[in-house]
Protein backbone atom coordinates (compact mmCIF):
# COMPACT_ATOMS: atom_id res chain seq x y z
CA MET A 1 1.82 19.18 24.72
CA ASP A 2 1.94 17.62 28.03
CA GLU A 3 -1.63 18.21 28.90
CA LEU A 4 -2.49 16.40 25.58
CA THR A 5 -0.26 13.40 25.99
CA ASP A 6 -1.70 13.06 29.60
CA GLU A 7 -5.30 13.12 28.38
CA LEU A 8 -4.44 11.06 25.48
CA MET A 9 -2.77 8.14 27.61
CA GLN A 10 -5.77 8.42 30.01
CA GLY A 11 -7.97 7.27 27.30
CA ASN A 12 -9.94 10.61 26.55
CA ARG A 13 -11.74 10.51 23.27
CA ARG A 14 -11.50 14.26 22.55
CA ALA A 15 -7.58 14.18 23.18
CA LEU A 16 -7.45 11.21 20.72
CA SER A 17 -9.41 13.14 17.83
CA ARG A 18 -7.33 16.24 18.41
CA ALA A 19 -3.92 14.24 18.47
CA ILE A 20 -5.11 12.56 15.17
CA THR A 21 -6.11 15.80 13.53
CA LEU A 22 -2.63 16.98 14.34
CA VAL A 23 -0.69 14.03 12.79
CA GLU A 24 -2.76 14.26 9.65
CA SER A 25 -2.20 18.00 9.44
CA THR A 26 0.30 19.14 6.45
CA ARG A 27 1.34 22.43 8.42
CA PRO A 28 4.94 22.41 8.93
CA ASP A 29 4.28 23.70 12.68
CA HIS A 30 1.71 21.11 13.12
CA ARG A 31 4.01 18.47 11.86
CA ALA A 32 6.74 19.41 14.51
CA ARG A 33 4.03 19.27 17.34
CA ALA A 34 3.13 15.97 15.94
CA LEU A 35 6.66 14.65 16.11
CA ALA A 36 7.22 15.68 19.36
CA LEU A 37 3.85 14.21 20.56
CA LEU A 38 4.67 10.92 19.10
CA SER A 39 8.28 10.77 20.91
CA GLU A 40 6.28 11.04 24.36
CA LEU A 41 4.19 8.13 23.79
CA PRO A 42 4.62 4.84 25.73
CA ASP A 43 5.08 1.46 24.09
CA ARG A 44 1.66 -0.02 24.24
CA GLN A 45 0.69 -2.57 21.84
CA ALA A 46 -2.83 -3.57 20.47
CA LEU A 47 -3.68 -6.26 18.12
CA ARG A 48 -3.55 -4.31 14.74
CA ILE A 49 -5.65 -6.15 12.19
CA GLY A 50 -5.95 -4.81 8.56
CA LEU A 51 -9.20 -5.53 6.39
CA SER A 52 -9.67 -4.99 2.73
CA GLY A 53 -12.11 -6.65 0.36
CA THR A 54 -13.86 -5.20 -2.98
CA PRO A 55 -16.64 -2.21 -2.58
CA GLY A 56 -19.96 -3.78 -1.78
CA VAL A 57 -18.58 -6.76 -0.09
CA GLY A 58 -19.74 -5.72 3.46
CA LYS A 59 -16.73 -4.38 4.96
CA SER A 60 -18.34 -1.71 7.31
CA THR A 61 -21.26 -4.28 8.21
CA PHE A 62 -18.57 -6.78 9.04
CA ILE A 63 -16.61 -4.34 11.24
CA GLU A 64 -19.88 -3.34 13.03
CA ALA A 65 -21.01 -6.78 14.01
CA PHE A 66 -17.26 -8.00 14.61
CA GLY A 67 -16.53 -4.72 16.80
CA LYS A 68 -19.64 -5.29 18.66
CA MET A 69 -18.81 -8.81 19.50
CA LEU A 70 -15.36 -7.59 20.67
CA THR A 71 -16.60 -4.76 23.06
CA GLY A 72 -19.35 -7.28 24.43
CA GLN A 73 -16.27 -8.86 25.66
CA GLY A 74 -14.79 -5.75 27.32
CA LEU A 75 -12.46 -5.32 24.62
CA ARG A 76 -11.72 -1.67 23.45
CA VAL A 77 -11.88 -1.21 19.57
CA ALA A 78 -10.52 1.54 17.45
CA VAL A 79 -11.71 1.56 13.74
CA LEU A 80 -9.60 3.54 11.28
CA ALA A 81 -11.62 3.69 8.07
CA VAL A 82 -9.82 5.10 5.14
CA ASP A 83 -12.59 6.68 2.49
CA PRO A 84 -11.35 7.19 -1.02
CA SER A 85 -10.63 10.83 -2.20
CA SER A 86 -12.01 12.48 -5.09
CA ALA A 87 -9.22 12.53 -7.87
CA ARG A 88 -11.14 15.99 -9.05
CA SER A 89 -12.15 17.94 -6.02
CA GLY A 90 -9.85 16.08 -3.59
CA GLY A 91 -12.95 15.68 -1.18
CA SER A 92 -14.00 12.59 0.70
CA ILE A 93 -17.83 11.61 1.90
CA LEU A 94 -16.42 9.91 5.52
CA GLY A 95 -19.51 8.47 6.14
CA ASP A 96 -18.40 5.47 7.83
CA LYS A 97 -19.93 6.46 11.33
CA THR A 98 -23.45 6.64 9.64
CA ARG A 99 -22.71 2.95 8.17
CA MET A 100 -21.37 1.86 11.70
CA GLU A 101 -24.11 3.68 13.56
CA THR A 102 -24.49 1.19 16.25
CA LEU A 103 -20.95 0.63 16.84
CA SER A 104 -20.15 4.66 16.74
CA ARG A 105 -22.27 4.83 19.97
CA ASP A 106 -20.65 2.08 22.03
CA PRO A 107 -18.37 3.56 24.64
CA LEU A 108 -15.55 1.22 24.02
CA ALA A 109 -15.51 1.95 20.65
CA PHE A 110 -13.66 4.79 18.40
CA ILE A 111 -14.34 5.07 14.98
CA ARG A 112 -12.23 7.76 13.01
CA PRO A 113 -12.70 8.13 9.02
CA SER A 114 -9.64 9.73 7.12
CA PRO A 115 -9.48 10.49 3.57
CA SER A 116 -6.80 8.51 1.50
CA ARG A 117 -5.80 11.49 -0.40
CA ALA A 118 -4.96 9.61 -3.32
CA GLU A 119 -2.40 7.24 -1.51
CA LEU A 120 -1.64 3.77 -3.03
CA GLY A 121 -3.61 0.82 -1.53
CA GLY A 122 -6.17 3.32 0.26
CA VAL A 123 -4.15 4.01 3.23
CA ALA A 124 -3.59 7.55 4.77
CA ARG A 125 -0.13 8.36 4.83
CA ARG A 126 -0.56 8.97 8.77
CA THR A 127 -2.38 5.88 9.50
CA ARG A 128 0.10 4.21 10.90
CA GLU A 129 0.85 7.28 13.20
CA THR A 130 -2.72 7.03 13.92
CA VAL A 131 -2.53 3.47 15.18
CA ARG A 132 0.40 4.36 17.74
CA LEU A 133 -1.96 6.98 18.83
CA CYS A 134 -4.93 4.53 19.37
CA GLU A 135 -2.54 2.15 21.11
CA ALA A 136 -1.38 4.70 23.46
CA ALA A 137 -4.79 5.66 24.48
CA GLY A 138 -5.27 2.01 25.77
CA PHE A 139 -7.46 0.39 22.73
CA ASP A 140 -7.00 -3.47 22.90
CA VAL A 141 -7.51 -3.84 18.93
CA VAL A 142 -7.18 -1.49 16.35
CA LEU A 143 -9.02 -2.20 12.60
CA ILE A 144 -7.62 -0.55 9.66
CA GLU A 145 -10.45 -0.49 7.02
CA THR A 146 -8.94 0.09 3.39
CA VAL A 147 -10.48 1.27 0.20
CA GLY A 148 -10.39 -2.15 -0.94
CA VAL A 149 -8.92 -1.26 -4.57
CA GLY A 150 -7.07 -4.41 -4.98
CA GLN A 151 -3.73 -2.58 -5.67
CA SER A 152 -0.52 -2.05 -3.34
CA GLU A 153 -2.36 -3.53 -0.38
CA THR A 154 0.93 -4.65 1.06
CA LEU A 155 0.75 -1.15 2.46
CA VAL A 156 -1.95 -2.50 4.81
CA ALA A 157 0.32 -5.45 5.62
CA GLU A 158 3.23 -3.09 6.61
CA MET A 159 1.22 -1.42 9.53
CA SER A 160 -0.92 -4.90 10.55
CA ASP A 161 -0.20 -7.57 12.61
CA LEU A 162 -3.07 -9.71 11.03
CA PHE A 163 -4.02 -9.16 7.47
CA LEU A 164 -8.02 -10.01 6.56
CA LEU A 165 -9.23 -10.27 3.20
CA LEU A 166 -13.23 -10.11 3.11
CA LEU A 167 -14.83 -11.66 0.07
CA ALA A 168 -18.26 -12.34 -1.04
CA PRO A 169 -19.77 -15.61 -2.34
CA ALA A 170 -20.77 -15.96 -6.13
CA GLY A 171 -18.30 -13.16 -7.36
CA GLY A 172 -17.56 -15.11 -10.60
CA ASP A 173 -14.56 -17.02 -11.28
CA GLU A 174 -13.35 -17.64 -7.52
CA LEU A 175 -9.82 -18.14 -8.50
CA GLN A 176 -9.55 -14.90 -10.37
CA GLY A 177 -11.44 -12.95 -7.55
CA VAL A 178 -8.19 -12.22 -5.79
CA LYS A 179 -4.89 -12.05 -7.32
CA ARG A 180 -2.05 -14.17 -6.18
CA GLY A 181 0.23 -11.14 -4.81
CA ILE A 182 -2.70 -10.33 -2.34
CA MET A 183 -3.47 -13.84 -1.40
CA GLU A 184 0.05 -14.21 -0.56
CA ILE A 185 -0.19 -11.33 2.34
CA ALA A 186 -3.39 -12.10 3.45
CA ASP A 187 -3.46 -14.24 6.93
CA ILE A 188 -6.93 -15.24 6.71
CA ILE A 189 -9.62 -15.20 4.06
CA LEU A 190 -13.30 -14.47 5.41
CA VAL A 191 -15.85 -15.28 2.75
CA ASN A 192 -18.91 -12.90 3.97
CA LYS A 193 -22.68 -13.21 3.55
CA ALA A 194 -22.55 -16.90 4.27
CA ASP A 195 -26.31 -17.14 5.39
CA GLY A 196 -29.81 -17.69 3.66
CA ASP A 197 -29.68 -18.89 0.13
CA LEU A 198 -25.97 -17.57 -0.27
CA ARG A 199 -24.73 -20.06 2.29
CA ALA A 200 -24.16 -23.27 0.06
CA THR A 201 -22.45 -20.81 -2.38
CA ALA A 202 -20.16 -19.25 0.40
CA MET A 203 -19.17 -22.74 1.60
CA ARG A 204 -18.05 -23.76 -2.04
CA THR A 205 -16.44 -20.33 -2.45
CA VAL A 206 -14.49 -21.10 1.13
CA ALA A 207 -13.65 -24.57 -0.59
CA ASP A 208 -12.22 -23.13 -3.58
CA TYR A 209 -9.96 -20.79 -1.77
CA ALA A 210 -8.83 -23.21 0.80
CA GLY A 211 -7.59 -25.30 -2.09
CA ALA A 212 -5.74 -22.28 -3.57
CA LEU A 213 -4.20 -20.99 -0.62
CA ARG A 214 -2.63 -24.74 -0.06
CA LEU A 215 -0.94 -24.29 -3.20
CA LEU A 216 0.92 -21.29 -1.79
CA ARG A 217 4.38 -21.44 -0.44
CA LYS A 218 4.38 -21.98 3.30
CA ARG A 219 5.27 -18.79 5.39
CA ALA A 220 7.60 -19.08 8.11
CA TYR A 221 6.11 -17.20 10.44
CA ASP A 222 2.70 -18.89 9.78
CA PRO A 223 1.80 -22.23 12.04
CA GLU A 224 0.21 -25.23 10.21
CA GLY A 225 -3.12 -24.49 8.65
CA PHE A 226 -2.23 -20.96 8.07
CA PRO A 227 -3.28 -19.08 6.11
CA LYS A 228 -6.80 -20.04 5.76
CA ALA A 229 -10.35 -19.39 4.59
CA LEU A 230 -13.66 -19.22 6.71
CA PRO A 231 -17.25 -18.31 6.10
CA VAL A 232 -18.75 -15.66 8.32
CA SER A 233 -22.04 -13.69 8.15
CA ALA A 234 -22.04 -9.96 9.34
CA TYR A 235 -25.79 -10.12 9.13
CA THR A 236 -26.52 -12.99 11.57
CA GLY A 237 -23.04 -13.00 13.38
CA ASP A 238 -22.44 -16.81 12.21
CA GLY A 239 -18.59 -17.18 12.16
CA LEU A 240 -17.41 -14.23 13.74
CA ALA A 241 -16.34 -15.66 17.29
CA GLY A 242 -14.82 -18.78 15.58
CA ALA A 243 -12.74 -16.18 13.17
CA TRP A 244 -11.75 -14.49 16.37
CA VAL A 245 -10.48 -17.40 17.93
CA GLU A 246 -8.11 -18.47 14.78
CA MET A 247 -7.00 -14.53 14.73
CA THR A 248 -5.87 -14.74 18.41
CA ALA A 249 -4.28 -18.21 18.15
CA LEU A 250 -2.46 -17.05 14.96
CA ALA A 251 -1.04 -13.67 16.97
CA ASP A 252 -0.48 -15.77 20.10
CA TRP A 253 1.81 -18.14 17.95
CA ARG A 254 3.76 -15.34 16.58
CA ARG A 255 4.46 -13.84 19.63
CA GLU A 256 5.84 -17.25 21.34
CA GLN A 257 7.87 -17.62 18.20
CA GLY A 258 9.14 -14.34 18.25
CA HIS A 259 7.54 -13.44 14.61
CA PHE A 260 5.78 -10.92 16.11
CA ALA A 261 8.40 -8.66 17.27
CA THR A 262 10.29 -9.26 14.17
CA ARG A 263 7.78 -8.36 11.95
CA ARG A 264 7.02 -5.15 13.77
CA ALA A 265 10.68 -4.20 13.65
CA GLU A 266 10.71 -4.90 9.78
CA GLN A 267 7.69 -2.93 9.68
CA ALA A 268 9.39 0.24 11.34
CA ARG A 269 12.37 0.03 9.15
CA HIS A 270 9.94 0.07 5.92
CA TRP A 271 8.12 2.88 7.38
CA PHE A 272 11.06 4.63 7.90
CA THR A 273 12.37 4.51 4.45
CA ALA A 274 8.97 5.20 3.38
CA GLU A 275 8.97 8.32 5.16
CA LEU A 276 12.61 9.36 3.77
CA ARG A 277 11.53 8.91 0.13
CA ALA A 278 8.36 10.87 0.85
CA GLY A 279 10.54 13.59 2.27
CA LEU A 280 13.19 13.63 -0.85
CA LEU A 281 9.80 13.96 -3.12
CA ALA A 282 8.67 16.60 -1.43
CA ARG A 283 11.87 18.65 -1.93
CA LEU A 284 10.43 18.59 -5.87
CA ASP A 285 7.90 21.29 -4.57
CA ALA A 286 10.38 23.90 -4.15
CA PRO A 287 9.68 26.89 -6.56
CA GLU A 288 12.87 26.82 -8.46
CA VAL A 289 12.67 22.90 -8.83
CA ARG A 290 9.06 23.36 -10.35
CA ALA A 291 10.23 25.84 -12.62
CA ARG A 292 13.02 23.54 -13.94
CA LEU A 293 10.78 20.40 -14.00
CA ARG A 294 8.29 22.60 -16.14
CA GLU A 295 11.18 23.94 -18.25
CA GLN A 296 12.37 20.20 -18.94
CA GLY A 297 9.01 18.80 -19.44
CA ASP A 298 7.99 21.60 -22.27
CA ALA A 299 11.35 20.51 -23.76
CA VAL A 300 10.10 16.98 -23.90
CA ALA A 301 6.80 17.75 -24.81
CA ARG A 302 8.00 19.65 -27.85
CA GLY A 303 10.08 16.77 -28.84
CA GLU A 304 13.41 18.74 -28.17
CA ALA A 305 14.49 16.49 -25.58
CA ASP A 306 14.30 12.61 -24.94
CA PRO A 307 12.50 12.01 -21.52
CA ASP A 308 15.18 9.64 -20.50
CA ALA A 309 18.04 12.24 -21.38
CA ALA A 310 15.70 14.89 -19.77
CA ALA A 311 15.31 12.84 -16.60
CA ALA A 312 19.20 12.23 -16.26
CA ASP A 313 19.78 16.27 -16.81
CA MET A 314 17.35 16.99 -14.14
CA LEU A 315 19.05 14.50 -11.63
CA GLY A 316 22.28 15.99 -12.34
CA TRP A 317 21.02 19.45 -11.74
CA LEU A 318 19.65 18.28 -8.39
CA ASN A 319 22.64 16.52 -7.16
CA GLY A 320 24.82 19.36 -8.40
């Protein structure tokens, strides 16, 4: 374990891959080793950027172009891409390295696809711990790409310093393209494909969302002008440098005002509660509990017990 920790802190990519595999494992002995590893990590901080968007909006293309721009500035970039898992087989394609072929060969970049395993918001349960491993390995920027299902995206915001929403122009009713709940947690909205024949449409989309953002209640941890909408083109690279300037300006302002550290402390509290809740739910997998659940569920299905009464009886049995 000490050897793995040392190699990880030296930026060894193979050690980082092994460590991520360890924290993603569900075996009890692996989990114990993972917790021991995490407890030894230094407190290094990268800029954590969450990215979401509907399928087909060009998230992978954007990440490759954006990542290449950052590595061109000498920054080390880690990409944690979460792929949706099949509801039937439980499998995932995990094809992000294929879609980001150029970035995957960059020595300053690291791409790790992980299955969502049906987690809400398209975030693997151990993604937050993977972020810590990447920070310990010395990466400057960690990009967290989500499935983009449009539900429970707050989970992404709870492990990110900045949350980006990537949209496409001409997506129908612009104000219905993103629901209010997601807009409220977005720090920057990026309208992709702002090039060629779609550029004029993209600029109108940016104006529509900029107007919608002005109607939202101002957040205490944002400077004047944020959140904002910007046009970008992952194909031509236009707007990427400007978007990065806005991201760093926002992150720097939050650090200077103390919001950065406060937000990370709140996130740590959130994940403590979430892990405790997950542990309590895991206790339902005990054989005697599963048998009792099946018995109560059968009684409810036959109409012999009311669902609410059966649930109360089950909770009483668990507490007893």
